[in-house]
C-alpha atoms as a PDB file:
ATOM      1  CA  MET A   1     -41.071 -27.306   1.181  1.00  0.00           C
ATOM      2  CA  ALA A   2     -39.824 -27.182   4.822  1.00  0.00           C
ATOM      3  CA  THR A   3     -40.269 -29.744   7.482  1.00  0.00           C
ATOM      4  CA  THR A   4     -40.104 -29.043  11.223  1.00  0.00           C
ATOM      5  CA  ASN A   5     -37.437 -30.932  12.883  1.00  0.00           C
ATOM      6  CA  GLY A   6     -39.118 -31.296  16.296  1.00  0.00           C
ATOM      7  CA  GLN A   7     -37.118 -28.436  17.858  1.00  0.00           C
ATOM      8  CA  GLY A   8     -38.876 -25.534  16.159  1.00  0.00           C
ATOM      9  CA  GLY A   9     -36.451 -25.320  13.285  1.00  0.00           C
ATOM     10  CA  GLN A  10     -37.126 -26.025   9.678  1.00  0.00           C
ATOM     11  CA  ILE A  11     -35.352 -28.165   7.213  1.00  0.00           C
ATOM     12  CA  PRO A  12     -36.143 -27.641   3.527  1.00  0.00           C
ATOM     13  CA  VAL A  13     -37.010 -30.994   1.954  1.00  0.00           C
ATOM     14  CA  ILE A  14     -36.733 -31.137  -1.870  1.00  0.00           C
ATOM     15  CA  ASN A  15     -38.126 -34.129  -3.766  1.00  0.00           C
ATOM     16  CA  ILE A  16     -36.187 -34.972  -6.824  1.00  0.00           C
ATOM     17  CA  SER A  17     -38.057 -38.028  -7.726  1.00  0.00           C
ATOM     18  CA  GLY A  18     -39.446 -36.646 -11.000  1.00  0.00           C
ATOM     19  CA  THR A  19     -43.104 -35.980  -9.543  1.00  0.00           C
ATOM     20  CA  SER A  20     -42.557 -32.136 -10.124  1.00  0.00           C
ATOM     21  CA  PRO A  21     -41.461 -30.227 -13.335  1.00  0.00           C
ATOM     22  CA  GLU A  22     -37.528 -29.990 -13.466  1.00  0.00           C
ATOM     23  CA  ALA A  23     -37.690 -26.168 -13.420  1.00  0.00           C
ATOM     24  CA  GLU A  24     -39.879 -26.096 -10.205  1.00  0.00           C
ATOM     25  CA  VAL A  25     -37.378 -28.532  -8.470  1.00  0.00           C
ATOM     26  CA  ALA A  26     -34.510 -26.479  -9.615  1.00  0.00           C
ATOM     27  CA  LYS A  27     -36.048 -23.228  -8.194  1.00  0.00           C
ATOM     28  CA  GLN A  28     -36.842 -25.081  -4.972  1.00  0.00           C
ATOM     29  CA  LEU A  29     -33.321 -26.175  -4.500  1.00  0.00           C
ATOM     30  CA  VAL A  30     -31.852 -22.590  -5.172  1.00  0.00           C
ATOM     31  CA  ASP A  31     -34.336 -20.936  -2.980  1.00  0.00           C
ATOM     32  CA  ALA A  32     -33.807 -23.447  -0.088  1.00  0.00           C
ATOM     33  CA  ALA A  33     -30.035 -23.145  -0.464  1.00  0.00           C
ATOM     34  CA  ALA A  34     -30.126 -19.357  -0.552  1.00  0.00           C
ATOM     35  CA  THR A  35     -32.514 -19.239   2.482  1.00  0.00           C
ATOM     36  CA  TYR A  36     -31.227 -21.973   4.682  1.00  0.00           C
ATOM     37  CA  GLY A  37     -27.791 -22.771   3.454  1.00  0.00           C
ATOM     38  CA  PHE A  38     -28.515 -26.498   2.975  1.00  0.00           C
ATOM     39  CA  VAL A  39     -31.336 -28.820   1.851  1.00  0.00           C
ATOM     40  CA  TYR A  40     -32.372 -32.346   2.402  1.00  0.00           C
ATOM     41  CA  VAL A  41     -32.826 -34.127  -0.982  1.00  0.00           C
ATOM     42  CA  LYS A  42     -35.621 -36.609  -1.032  1.00  0.00           C
ATOM     43  CA  ASN A  43     -35.281 -39.109  -3.825  1.00  0.00           C
ATOM     44  CA  GLU A  44     -37.899 -41.779  -4.207  1.00  0.00           C
ATOM     45  CA  GLY A  45     -37.152 -44.179  -7.062  1.00  0.00           C
ATOM     46  CA  LYS A  46     -34.216 -42.655  -8.822  1.00  0.00           C
ATOM     47  CA  ASP A  47     -30.717 -42.980  -8.009  1.00  0.00           C
ATOM     48  CA  ILE A  48     -28.118 -40.255  -8.237  1.00  0.00           C
ATOM     49  CA  PRO A  49     -24.936 -41.540  -9.716  1.00  0.00           C
ATOM     50  CA  VAL A  50     -21.900 -41.458  -7.281  1.00  0.00           C
ATOM     51  CA  ASP A  51     -19.695 -39.242  -9.658  1.00  0.00           C
ATOM     52  CA  ILE A  52     -22.436 -36.530  -9.605  1.00  0.00           C
ATOM     53  CA  ILE A  53     -22.471 -36.496  -5.730  1.00  0.00           C
ATOM     54  CA  ASP A  54     -18.691 -36.466  -5.656  1.00  0.00           C
ATOM     55  CA  GLY A  55     -18.656 -33.599  -8.242  1.00  0.00           C
ATOM     56  CA  LEU A  56     -21.104 -31.577  -6.108  1.00  0.00           C
ATOM     57  CA  PHE A  57     -19.239 -32.063  -2.908  1.00  0.00           C
ATOM     58  CA  GLU A  58     -15.885 -31.064  -4.637  1.00  0.00           C
ATOM     59  CA  LEU A  59     -17.771 -27.924  -6.034  1.00  0.00           C
ATOM     60  CA  VAL A  60     -18.953 -27.037  -2.574  1.00  0.00           C
ATOM     61  CA  ILE A  61     -15.637 -27.622  -0.900  1.00  0.00           C
ATOM     62  CA  LEU A  62     -13.633 -25.601  -3.508  1.00  0.00           C
ATOM     63  CA  ARG A  63     -16.066 -22.623  -3.460  1.00  0.00           C
ATOM     64  CA  ASN A  64     -16.258 -22.220   0.144  1.00  0.00           C
ATOM     65  CA  GLY A  65     -12.503 -22.349   0.451  1.00  0.00           C
ATOM     66  CA  ILE A  66     -12.460 -25.436   2.667  1.00  0.00           C
ATOM     67  CA  CYS A  67      -9.440 -26.823   1.010  1.00  0.00           C
ATOM     68  CA  GLU A  68      -7.282 -25.971  -2.027  1.00  0.00           C
ATOM     69  CA  GLU A  69      -7.043 -28.092  -5.004  1.00  0.00           C
END
């Protein structure tokens, strides 16, 4: 799941392209976020709609108190 960044650190890489069961991918995302605080989402062949990405950024910003709505 994690890839070395060349400086000894690890970046969790989660493949969401549909090659793994959805429940497994969801667990990987939650585990990586809880352990590392962030993830690199690898997406081969599937597009993530812009409104979904915007909604996730908004959720993260509001939950972390970065700005007020």
